[in-house]
Amino acid sequence: NNFGLLAIPFFMLTGAIMEAGGVSVRIIEFSQALVGSVRGGI
């Protein structure tokens, strides 16, 4: 029963929306363009 712990469900909701919205795919594509050219890029 603490107001500060209400951050937990909202941060989890943020993560679930990002995952469902394909945000992780965009992050992977950016990461690949950023460091994919180095040996062992993937």
PDB file of all heavy atoms in Angstrom:
ATOM      1  N   ASN A   1       0.847  -1.200   0.000  1.00  0.00           N
ATOM      2  CA  ASN A   1       0.000   0.000   0.000  1.00  0.00           C
ATOM      3  C   ASN A   1       0.880   1.247   0.000  1.00  0.00           C
ATOM      4  O   ASN A   1       0.945   2.001   0.972  1.00  0.00           O
ATOM      5  CB  ASN A   1      -0.933  -0.010   1.214  1.00  0.00           C
ATOM      6  CG  ASN A   1      -1.921   1.150   1.188  1.00  0.00           C
ATOM      7  OD1 ASN A   1      -2.214   1.702   0.122  1.00  0.00           O
ATOM      8  ND2 ASN A   1      -2.425   1.527   2.350  1.00  0.00           N
ATOM      9  N   ASN A   2       1.608   1.428  -1.109  1.00  0.00           N
ATOM     10  CA  ASN A   2       2.540   2.540  -1.224  1.00  0.00           C
ATOM     11  C   ASN A   2       2.432   3.143  -2.616  1.00  0.00           C
ATOM     12  O   ASN A   2       2.495   2.418  -3.622  1.00  0.00           O
ATOM     13  CB  ASN A   2       3.978   2.052  -0.972  1.00  0.00           C
ATOM     14  CG  ASN A   2       4.980   3.186  -0.959  1.00  0.00           C
ATOM     15  OD1 ASN A   2       5.341   3.731  -1.991  1.00  0.00           O
ATOM     16  ND2 ASN A   2       5.441   3.540   0.236  1.00  0.00           N
ATOM     17  N   PHE A   3       2.273   4.452  -2.670  1.00  0.00           N
ATOM     18  CA  PHE A   3       2.077   5.131  -3.952  1.00  0.00           C
ATOM     19  C   PHE A   3       3.243   4.883  -4.912  1.00  0.00           C
ATOM     20  O   PHE A   3       3.043   4.719  -6.124  1.00  0.00           O
ATOM     21  CB  PHE A   3       1.890   6.631  -3.718  1.00  0.00           C
ATOM     22  CG  PHE A   3       1.701   7.420  -4.984  1.00  0.00           C
ATOM     23  CD1 PHE A   3       0.489   7.403  -5.659  1.00  0.00           C
ATOM     24  CD2 PHE A   3       2.734   8.187  -5.507  1.00  0.00           C
ATOM     25  CE1 PHE A   3       0.315   8.127  -6.830  1.00  0.00           C
ATOM     26  CE2 PHE A   3       2.573   8.914  -6.672  1.00  0.00           C
ATOM     27  CZ  PHE A   3       1.355   8.883  -7.333  1.00  0.00           C
ATOM     28  N   GLY A   4       4.460   4.847  -4.381  1.00  0.00           N
ATOM     29  CA  GLY A   4       5.630   4.686  -5.249  1.00  0.00           C
ATOM     30  C   GLY A   4       5.625   3.400  -6.044  1.00  0.00           C
ATOM     31  O   GLY A   4       6.155   3.345  -7.164  1.00  0.00           O
ATOM     32  N   LEU A   5       5.004   2.339  -5.495  1.00  0.00           N
ATOM     33  CA  LEU A   5       4.976   1.054  -6.187  1.00  0.00           C
ATOM     34  C   LEU A   5       4.017   1.033  -7.367  1.00  0.00           C
ATOM     35  O   LEU A   5       4.023   0.095  -8.158  1.00  0.00           O
ATOM     36  CB  LEU A   5       4.613  -0.066  -5.202  1.00  0.00           C
ATOM     37  CG  LEU A   5       5.653  -0.366  -4.119  1.00  0.00           C
ATOM     38  CD1 LEU A   5       5.157  -1.467  -3.197  1.00  0.00           C
ATOM     39  CD2 LEU A   5       6.992  -0.761  -4.735  1.00  0.00           C
ATOM     40  N   LEU A   6       3.183   2.080  -7.502  1.00  0.00           N
ATOM     41  CA  LEU A   6       2.305   2.157  -8.668  1.00  0.00           C
ATOM     42  C   LEU A   6       3.095   2.312  -9.962  1.00  0.00           C
ATOM     43  O   LEU A   6       2.561   2.089 -11.050  1.00  0.00           O
ATOM     44  CB  LEU A   6       1.334   3.336  -8.522  1.00  0.00           C
ATOM     45  CG  LEU A   6       0.087   3.099  -7.670  1.00  0.00           C
ATOM     46  CD1 LEU A   6      -0.711   4.386  -7.548  1.00  0.00           C
ATOM     47  CD2 LEU A   6      -0.778   2.007  -8.278  1.00  0.00           C
ATOM     48  N   ALA A   7       4.357   2.686  -9.845  1.00  0.00           N
ATOM     49  CA  ALA A   7       5.190   2.792 -11.052  1.00  0.00           C
ATOM     50  C   ALA A   7       5.361   1.425 -11.720  1.00  0.00           C
ATOM     51  O   ALA A   7       5.543   1.345 -12.935  1.00  0.00           O
ATOM     52  CB  ALA A   7       6.556   3.373 -10.688  1.00  0.00           C
ATOM     53  N   ILE A   8       5.292   0.342 -10.940  1.00  0.00           N
ATOM     54  CA  ILE A   8       5.534  -0.995 -11.487  1.00  0.00           C
ATOM     55  C   ILE A   8       4.554  -1.351 -12.605  1.00  0.00           C
ATOM     56  O   ILE A   8       4.985  -1.692 -13.720  1.00  0.00           O
ATOM     57  CB  ILE A   8       5.515  -2.052 -10.357  1.00  0.00           C
ATOM     58  CG1 ILE A   8       6.749  -1.859  -9.470  1.00  0.00           C
ATOM     59  CG2 ILE A   8       5.481  -3.466 -10.922  1.00  0.00           C
ATOM     60  CD1 ILE A   8       6.780  -2.776  -8.255  1.00  0.00           C
ATOM     61  N   PRO A   9       3.224  -1.298 -12.368  1.00  0.00           N
ATOM     62  CA  PRO A   9       2.327  -1.671 -13.473  1.00  0.00           C
ATOM     63  C   PRO A   9       2.431  -0.757 -14.687  1.00  0.00           C
ATOM     64  O   PRO A   9       2.284  -1.212 -15.827  1.00  0.00           O
ATOM     65  CB  PRO A   9       0.928  -1.589 -12.839  1.00  0.00           C
ATOM     66  CG  PRO A   9       1.083  -0.762 -11.629  1.00  0.00           C
ATOM     67  CD  PRO A   9       2.471  -1.017 -11.136  1.00  0.00           C
ATOM     68  N   PHE A  10       2.728   0.532 -14.480  1.00  0.00           N
ATOM     69  CA  PHE A  10       2.804   1.441 -15.619  1.00  0.00           C
ATOM     70  C   PHE A  10       4.064   1.208 -16.450  1.00  0.00           C
ATOM     71  O   PHE A  10       4.022   1.273 -17.678  1.00  0.00           O
ATOM     72  CB  PHE A  10       2.723   2.897 -15.140  1.00  0.00           C
ATOM     73  CG  PHE A  10       1.375   3.281 -14.624  1.00  0.00           C
ATOM     74  CD1 PHE A  10       1.201   3.682 -13.310  1.00  0.00           C
ATOM     75  CD2 PHE A  10       0.260   3.222 -15.441  1.00  0.00           C
ATOM     76  CE1 PHE A  10      -0.049   4.016 -12.824  1.00  0.00           C
ATOM     77  CE2 PHE A  10      -0.999   3.561 -14.976  1.00  0.00           C
ATOM     78  CZ  PHE A  10      -1.156   3.955 -13.658  1.00  0.00           C
ATOM     79  N   PHE A  11       5.188   0.915 -15.789  1.00  0.00           N
ATOM     80  CA  PHE A  11       6.394   0.578 -16.541  1.00  0.00           C
ATOM     81  C   PHE A  11       6.208  -0.756 -17.274  1.00  0.00           C
ATOM     82  O   PHE A  11       6.681  -0.926 -18.400  1.00  0.00           O
ATOM     83  CB  PHE A  11       7.611   0.499 -15.617  1.00  0.00           C
ATOM     84  CG  PHE A  11       8.216   1.836 -15.308  1.00  0.00           C
ATOM     85  CD1 PHE A  11       8.448   2.237 -13.999  1.00  0.00           C
ATOM     86  CD2 PHE A  11       8.560   2.711 -16.320  1.00  0.00           C
ATOM     87  CE1 PHE A  11       9.004   3.469 -13.709  1.00  0.00           C
ATOM     88  CE2 PHE A  11       9.124   3.951 -16.043  1.00  0.00           C
ATOM     89  CZ  PHE A  11       9.344   4.329 -14.733  1.00  0.00           C
ATOM     90  N   MET A  12       5.531  -1.695 -16.632  1.00  0.00           N
ATOM     91  CA  MET A  12       5.273  -2.973 -17.295  1.00  0.00           C
ATOM     92  C   MET A  12       4.340  -2.790 -18.489  1.00  0.00           C
ATOM     93  O   MET A  12       4.514  -3.442 -19.524  1.00  0.00           O
ATOM     94  CB  MET A  12       4.675  -3.960 -16.294  1.00  0.00           C
ATOM     95  CG  MET A  12       5.679  -4.493 -15.313  1.00  0.00           C
ATOM     96  SD  MET A  12       5.021  -5.854 -14.344  1.00  0.00           S
ATOM     97  CE  MET A  12       6.523  -6.438 -13.560  1.00  0.00           C
ATOM     98  N   LEU A  13       3.360  -1.922 -18.343  1.00  0.00           N
ATOM     99  CA  LEU A  13       2.464  -1.628 -19.464  1.00  0.00           C
ATOM    100  C   LEU A  13       3.249  -1.020 -20.621  1.00  0.00           C
ATOM    101  O   LEU A  13       3.035  -1.378 -21.787  1.00  0.00           O
ATOM    102  CB  LEU A  13       1.364  -0.669 -19.006  1.00  0.00           C
ATOM    103  CG  LEU A  13       0.359  -0.215 -20.075  1.00  0.00           C
ATOM    104  CD1 LEU A  13      -0.377  -1.404 -20.671  1.00  0.00           C
ATOM    105  CD2 LEU A  13      -0.624   0.794 -19.488  1.00  0.00           C
ATOM    106  N   THR A  14       4.179  -0.123 -20.302  1.00  0.00           N
ATOM    107  CA  THR A  14       5.034   0.473 -21.330  1.00  0.00           C
ATOM    108  C   THR A  14       5.811  -0.606 -22.078  1.00  0.00           C
ATOM    109  O   THR A  14       5.865  -0.616 -23.312  1.00  0.00           O
ATOM    110  CB  THR A  14       6.013   1.484 -20.700  1.00  0.00           C
ATOM    111  OG1 THR A  14       5.279   2.493 -20.023  1.00  0.00           O
ATOM    112  CG2 THR A  14       6.911   2.111 -21.753  1.00  0.00           C
ATOM    113  N   GLY A  15       6.410  -1.539 -21.331  1.00  0.00           N
ATOM    114  CA  GLY A  15       7.165  -2.611 -21.959  1.00  0.00           C
ATOM    115  C   GLY A  15       6.305  -3.511 -22.823  1.00  0.00           C
ATOM    116  O   GLY A  15       6.718  -3.917 -23.916  1.00  0.00           O
ATOM    117  N   ALA A  16       5.091  -3.823 -22.346  1.00  0.00           N
ATOM    118  CA  ALA A  16       4.189  -4.694 -23.120  1.00  0.00           C
ATOM    119  C   ALA A  16       3.750  -4.019 -24.418  1.00  0.00           C
ATOM    120  O   ALA A  16       3.652  -4.667 -25.466  1.00  0.00           O
ATOM    121  CB  ALA A  16       2.973  -5.050 -22.268  1.00  0.00           C
ATOM    122  N   ILE A  17       3.493  -2.715 -24.362  1.00  0.00           N
ATOM    123  CA  ILE A  17       3.101  -1.978 -25.571  1.00  0.00           C
ATOM    124  C   ILE A  17       4.257  -1.930 -26.567  1.00  0.00           C
ATOM    125  O   ILE A  17       4.069  -2.120 -27.769  1.00  0.00           O
ATOM    126  CB  ILE A  17       2.631  -0.552 -25.215  1.00  0.00           C
ATOM    127  CG1 ILE A  17       1.353  -0.616 -24.373  1.00  0.00           C
ATOM    128  CG2 ILE A  17       2.386   0.279 -26.474  1.00  0.00           C
ATOM    129  CD1 ILE A  17       0.952   0.711 -23.763  1.00  0.00           C
ATOM    130  N   MET A  18       5.470  -1.698 -26.066  1.00  0.00           N
ATOM    131  CA  MET A  18       6.642  -1.663 -26.939  1.00  0.00           C
ATOM    132  C   MET A  18       6.853  -3.005 -27.629  1.00  0.00           C
ATOM    133  O   MET A  18       7.160  -3.063 -28.820  1.00  0.00           O
ATOM    134  CB  MET A  18       7.886  -1.280 -26.131  1.00  0.00           C
ATOM    135  CG  MET A  18       7.901   0.166 -25.655  1.00  0.00           C
ATOM    136  SD  MET A  18       9.323   0.547 -24.595  1.00  0.00           S
ATOM    137  CE  MET A  18      10.669   0.463 -25.775  1.00  0.00           C
ATOM    138  N   GLU A  19       6.663  -4.084 -26.878  1.00  0.00           N
ATOM    139  CA  GLU A  19       6.855  -5.418 -27.460  1.00  0.00           C
ATOM    140  C   GLU A  19       5.784  -5.716 -28.494  1.00  0.00           C
ATOM    141  O   GLU A  19       6.080  -6.196 -29.598  1.00  0.00           O
ATOM    142  CB  GLU A  19       6.826  -6.470 -26.347  1.00  0.00           C
ATOM    143  CG  GLU A  19       7.119  -7.878 -26.840  1.00  0.00           C
ATOM    144  CD  GLU A  19       7.132  -8.897 -25.722  1.00  0.00           C
ATOM    145  OE1 GLU A  19       7.148  -8.495 -24.546  1.00  0.00           O
ATOM    146  OE2 GLU A  19       7.104 -10.102 -26.038  1.00  0.00           O
ATOM    147  N   ALA A  20       4.523  -5.431 -28.160  1.00  0.00           N
ATOM    148  CA  ALA A  20       3.427  -5.705 -29.092  1.00  0.00           C
ATOM    149  C   ALA A  20       3.500  -4.817 -30.327  1.00  0.00           C
ATOM    150  O   ALA A  20       3.104  -5.226 -31.421  1.00  0.00           O
ATOM    151  CB  ALA A  20       2.080  -5.501 -28.392  1.00  0.00           C
ATOM    152  N   GLY A  21       4.023  -3.604 -30.157  1.00  0.00           N
ATOM    153  CA  GLY A  21       4.116  -2.667 -31.268  1.00  0.00           C
ATOM    154  C   GLY A  21       5.342  -2.855 -32.146  1.00  0.00           C
ATOM    155  O   GLY A  21       5.599  -2.034 -33.039  1.00  0.00           O
ATOM    156  N   GLY A  22       6.113  -3.896 -31.905  1.00  0.00           N
ATOM    157  CA  GLY A  22       7.276  -4.177 -32.738  1.00  0.00           C
ATOM    158  C   GLY A  22       8.436  -3.225 -32.537  1.00  0.00           C
ATOM    159  O   GLY A  22       9.311  -3.107 -33.399  1.00  0.00           O
ATOM    160  N   VAL A  23       8.465  -2.564 -31.383  1.00  0.00           N
ATOM    161  CA  VAL A  23       9.545  -1.604 -31.119  1.00  0.00           C
ATOM    162  C   VAL A  23      10.885  -2.316 -31.031  1.00  0.00           C
ATOM    163  O   VAL A  23      11.917  -1.781 -31.469  1.00  0.00           O
ATOM    164  CB  VAL A  23       9.248  -0.819 -29.822  1.00  0.00           C
ATOM    165  CG1 VAL A  23      10.430   0.064 -29.438  1.00  0.00           C
ATOM    166  CG2 VAL A  23       7.997   0.037 -30.002  1.00  0.00           C
ATOM    167  N   SER A  24      10.897  -3.537 -30.476  1.00  0.00           N
ATOM    168  CA  SER A  24      12.158  -4.266 -30.343  1.00  0.00           C
ATOM    169  C   SER A  24      12.792  -4.531 -31.708  1.00  0.00           C
ATOM    170  O   SER A  24      14.019  -4.540 -31.845  1.00  0.00           O
ATOM    171  CB  SER A  24      11.929  -5.588 -29.602  1.00  0.00           C
ATOM    172  OG  SER A  24      10.989  -6.387 -30.283  1.00  0.00           O
ATOM    173  N   VAL A  25      11.965  -4.737 -32.733  1.00  0.00           N
ATOM    174  CA  VAL A  25      12.493  -4.973 -34.086  1.00  0.00           C
ATOM    175  C   VAL A  25      13.224  -3.737 -34.597  1.00  0.00           C
ATOM    176  O   VAL A  25      14.306  -3.838 -35.194  1.00  0.00           O
ATOM    177  CB  VAL A  25      11.352  -5.363 -35.048  1.00  0.00           C
ATOM    178  CG1 VAL A  25      11.868  -5.483 -36.475  1.00  0.00           C
ATOM    179  CG2 VAL A  25      10.702  -6.665 -34.606  1.00  0.00           C
ATOM    180  N   ARG A  26      12.656  -2.566 -34.361  1.00  0.00           N
ATOM    181  CA  ARG A  26      13.301  -1.317 -34.789  1.00  0.00           C
ATOM    182  C   ARG A  26      14.618  -1.094 -34.041  1.00  0.00           C
ATOM    183  O   ARG A  26      15.597  -0.609 -34.618  1.00  0.00           O
ATOM    184  CB  ARG A  26      12.364  -0.131 -34.566  1.00  0.00           C
ATOM    185  CG  ARG A  26      11.149  -0.140 -35.503  1.00  0.00           C
ATOM    186  CD  ARG A  26      10.172   0.976 -35.165  1.00  0.00           C
ATOM    187  NE  ARG A  26       9.048   0.952 -36.095  1.00  0.00           N
ATOM    188  CZ  ARG A  26       8.995   1.662 -37.218  1.00  0.00           C
ATOM    189  NH1 ARG A  26       9.997   2.455 -37.536  1.00  0.00           N
ATOM    190  NH2 ARG A  26       7.955   1.590 -38.022  1.00  0.00           N
ATOM    191  N   ILE A  27      14.620  -1.448 -32.770  1.00  0.00           N
ATOM    192  CA  ILE A  27      15.849  -1.311 -31.985  1.00  0.00           C
ATOM    193  C   ILE A  27      16.922  -2.257 -32.517  1.00  0.00           C
ATOM    194  O   ILE A  27      18.100  -1.890 -32.620  1.00  0.00           O
ATOM    195  CB  ILE A  27      15.550  -1.577 -30.496  1.00  0.00           C
ATOM    196  CG1 ILE A  27      14.714  -0.422 -29.916  1.00  0.00           C
ATOM    197  CG2 ILE A  27      16.847  -1.737 -29.704  1.00  0.00           C
ATOM    198  CD1 ILE A  27      14.256  -0.652 -28.484  1.00  0.00           C
ATOM    199  N   ILE A  28      16.534  -3.485 -32.868  1.00  0.00           N
ATOM    200  CA  ILE A  28      17.495  -4.452 -33.423  1.00  0.00           C
ATOM    201  C   ILE A  28      18.042  -3.950 -34.762  1.00  0.00           C
ATOM    202  O   ILE A  28      19.242  -4.053 -35.036  1.00  0.00           O
ATOM    203  CB  ILE A  28      16.829  -5.835 -33.576  1.00  0.00           C
ATOM    204  CG1 ILE A  28      16.573  -6.453 -32.200  1.00  0.00           C
ATOM    205  CG2 ILE A  28      17.697  -6.762 -34.425  1.00  0.00           C
ATOM    206  CD1 ILE A  28      15.740  -7.715 -32.234  1.00  0.00           C
ATOM    207  N   GLU A  29      17.175  -3.383 -35.615  1.00  0.00           N
ATOM    208  CA  GLU A  29      17.621  -2.858 -36.911  1.00  0.00           C
ATOM    209  C   GLU A  29      18.614  -1.714 -36.728  1.00  0.00           C
ATOM    210  O   GLU A  29      19.629  -1.637 -37.434  1.00  0.00           O
ATOM    211  CB  GLU A  29      16.407  -2.382 -37.714  1.00  0.00           C
ATOM    212  CG  GLU A  29      15.535  -3.519 -38.236  1.00  0.00           C
ATOM    213  CD  GLU A  29      14.267  -3.022 -38.906  1.00  0.00           C
ATOM    214  OE1 GLU A  29      14.013  -1.790 -38.853  1.00  0.00           O
ATOM    215  OE2 GLU A  29      13.531  -3.848 -39.492  1.00  0.00           O
ATOM    216  N   PHE A  30      18.345  -0.833 -35.775  1.00  0.00           N
ATOM    217  CA  PHE A  30      19.275   0.273 -35.508  1.00  0.00           C
ATOM    218  C   PHE A  30      20.597  -0.264 -34.964  1.00  0.00           C
ATOM    219  O   PHE A  30      21.684   0.178 -35.378  1.00  0.00           O
ATOM    220  CB  PHE A  30      18.649   1.258 -34.519  1.00  0.00           C
ATOM    221  CG  PHE A  30      19.610   2.301 -34.017  1.00  0.00           C
ATOM    222  CD1 PHE A  30      20.168   3.232 -34.891  1.00  0.00           C
ATOM    223  CD2 PHE A  30      19.965   2.351 -32.682  1.00  0.00           C
ATOM    224  CE1 PHE A  30      21.065   4.192 -34.433  1.00  0.00           C
ATOM    225  CE2 PHE A  30      20.852   3.309 -32.218  1.00  0.00           C
ATOM    226  CZ  PHE A  30      21.407   4.223 -33.094  1.00  0.00           C
ATOM    227  N   SER A  31      20.523  -1.231 -34.057  1.00  0.00           N
ATOM    228  CA  SER A  31      21.740  -1.823 -33.492  1.00  0.00           C
ATOM    229  C   SER A  31      22.568  -2.498 -34.576  1.00  0.00           C
ATOM    230  O   SER A  31      23.799  -2.417 -34.570  1.00  0.00           O
ATOM    231  CB  SER A  31      21.365  -2.838 -32.405  1.00  0.00           C
ATOM    232  OG  SER A  31      20.598  -2.242 -31.385  1.00  0.00           O
ATOM    233  N   GLN A  32      21.898  -3.136 -35.521  1.00  0.00           N
ATOM    234  CA  GLN A  32      22.609  -3.803 -36.611  1.00  0.00           C
ATOM    235  C   GLN A  32      23.331  -2.790 -37.490  1.00  0.00           C
ATOM    236  O   GLN A  32      24.485  -3.000 -37.892  1.00  0.00           O
ATOM    237  CB  GLN A  32      21.625  -4.616 -37.442  1.00  0.00           C
ATOM    238  CG  GLN A  32      22.266  -5.389 -38.584  1.00  0.00           C
ATOM    239  CD  GLN A  32      21.313  -6.402 -39.194  1.00  0.00           C
ATOM    240  OE1 GLN A  32      20.637  -7.132 -38.482  1.00  0.00           O
ATOM    241  NE2 GLN A  32      21.264  -6.440 -40.519  1.00  0.00           N
ATOM    242  N   ALA A  33      22.665  -1.679 -37.802  1.00  0.00           N
ATOM    243  CA  ALA A  33      23.311  -0.636 -38.612  1.00  0.00           C
ATOM    244  C   ALA A  33      24.461   0.018 -37.854  1.00  0.00           C
ATOM    245  O   ALA A  33      25.437   0.466 -38.450  1.00  0.00           O
ATOM    246  CB  ALA A  33      22.275   0.419 -39.012  1.00  0.00           C
ATOM    247  N   LEU A  34      24.355   0.055 -36.519  1.00  0.00           N
ATOM    248  CA  LEU A  34      25.366   0.727 -35.699  1.00  0.00           C
ATOM    249  C   LEU A  34      26.625  -0.114 -35.542  1.00  0.00           C
ATOM    250  O   LEU A  34      27.745   0.391 -35.710  1.00  0.00           O
ATOM    251  CB  LEU A  34      24.758   1.043 -34.325  1.00  0.00           C
ATOM    252  CG  LEU A  34      25.608   1.866 -33.351  1.00  0.00           C
ATOM    253  CD1 LEU A  34      25.809   3.278 -33.888  1.00  0.00           C
ATOM    254  CD2 LEU A  34      24.940   1.904 -31.976  1.00  0.00           C
ATOM    255  N   VAL A  35      26.486  -1.400 -35.217  1.00  0.00           N
ATOM    256  CA  VAL A  35      27.666  -2.219 -34.897  1.00  0.00           C
ATOM    257  C   VAL A  35      27.762  -3.481 -35.749  1.00  0.00           C
ATOM    258  O   VAL A  35      28.664  -4.296 -35.543  1.00  0.00           O
ATOM    259  CB  VAL A  35      27.656  -2.614 -33.397  1.00  0.00           C
ATOM    260  CG1 VAL A  35      27.791  -1.397 -32.522  1.00  0.00           C
ATOM    261  CG2 VAL A  35      26.389  -3.402 -33.045  1.00  0.00           C
ATOM    262  N   GLY A  36      26.853  -3.662 -36.708  1.00  0.00           N
ATOM    263  CA  GLY A  36      26.846  -4.877 -37.508  1.00  0.00           C
ATOM    264  C   GLY A  36      28.044  -5.030 -38.426  1.00  0.00           C
ATOM    265  O   GLY A  36      28.309  -6.126 -38.923  1.00  0.00           O
ATOM    266  N   SER A  37      28.777  -3.955 -38.666  1.00  0.00           N
ATOM    267  CA  SER A  37      29.914  -4.026 -39.585  1.00  0.00           C
ATOM    268  C   SER A  37      31.200  -4.499 -38.907  1.00  0.00           C
ATOM    269  O   SER A  37      32.200  -4.748 -39.565  1.00  0.00           O
ATOM    270  CB  SER A  37      30.160  -2.645 -40.210  1.00  0.00           C
ATOM    271  OG  SER A  37      30.437  -1.683 -39.202  1.00  0.00           O
ATOM    272  N   VAL A  38      31.186  -4.626 -37.580  1.00  0.00           N
ATOM    273  CA  VAL A  38      32.366  -5.080 -36.841  1.00  0.00           C
ATOM    274  C   VAL A  38      32.431  -6.601 -36.898  1.00  0.00           C
ATOM    275  O   VAL A  38      31.409  -7.279 -37.028  1.00  0.00           O
ATOM    276  CB  VAL A  38      32.285  -4.600 -35.373  1.00  0.00           C
ATOM    277  CG1 VAL A  38      33.540  -4.989 -34.597  1.00  0.00           C
ATOM    278  CG2 VAL A  38      32.063  -3.092 -35.322  1.00  0.00           C
ATOM    279  N   ARG A  39      33.628  -7.149 -36.808  1.00  0.00           N
ATOM    280  CA  ARG A  39      33.790  -8.605 -36.794  1.00  0.00           C
ATOM    281  C   ARG A  39      32.923  -9.198 -35.688  1.00  0.00           C
ATOM    282  O   ARG A  39      32.967  -8.736 -34.549  1.00  0.00           O
ATOM    283  CB  ARG A  39      35.268  -8.957 -36.564  1.00  0.00           C
ATOM    284  CG  ARG A  39      35.568 -10.435 -36.376  1.00  0.00           C
ATOM    285  CD  ARG A  39      35.317 -11.206 -37.671  1.00  0.00           C
ATOM    286  NE  ARG A  39      36.350 -10.934 -38.644  1.00  0.00           N
ATOM    287  CZ  ARG A  39      37.468 -11.642 -38.771  1.00  0.00           C
ATOM    288  NH1 ARG A  39      37.691 -12.675 -37.982  1.00  0.00           N
ATOM    289  NH2 ARG A  39      38.346 -11.327 -39.698  1.00  0.00           N
ATOM    290  N   GLY A  40      32.164 -10.251 -36.012  1.00  0.00           N
ATOM    291  CA  GLY A  40      31.214 -10.810 -35.056  1.00  0.00           C
ATOM    292  C   GLY A  40      30.014  -9.900 -34.862  1.00  0.00           C
ATOM    293  O   GLY A  40      29.441  -9.829 -33.784  1.00  0.00           O
ATOM    294  N   GLY A  41      29.632  -9.219 -35.948  1.00  0.00           N
ATOM    295  CA  GLY A  41      28.640  -8.148 -35.864  1.00  0.00           C
ATOM    296  C   GLY A  41      27.319  -8.539 -35.249  1.00  0.00           C
ATOM    297  O   GLY A  41      26.756  -7.781 -34.455  1.00  0.00           O
ATOM    298  N   ILE A  42      26.797  -9.725 -35.583  1.00  0.00           N
ATOM    299  CA  ILE A  42      25.469 -10.068 -35.070  1.00  0.00           C
ATOM    300  C   ILE A  42      25.499 -10.285 -33.552  1.00  0.00           C
ATOM    301  O   ILE A  42      24.517 -10.030 -32.846  1.00  0.00           O
ATOM    302  CB  ILE A  42      24.892 -11.304 -35.788  1.00  0.00           C
ATOM    303  CG1 ILE A  42      23.386 -11.399 -35.503  1.00  0.00           C
ATOM    304  CG2 ILE A  42      25.621 -12.580 -35.400  1.00  0.00           C
ATOM    305  CD1 ILE A  42      22.659 -12.363 -36.407  1.00  0.00           C
TER     306      ILE A  42
END
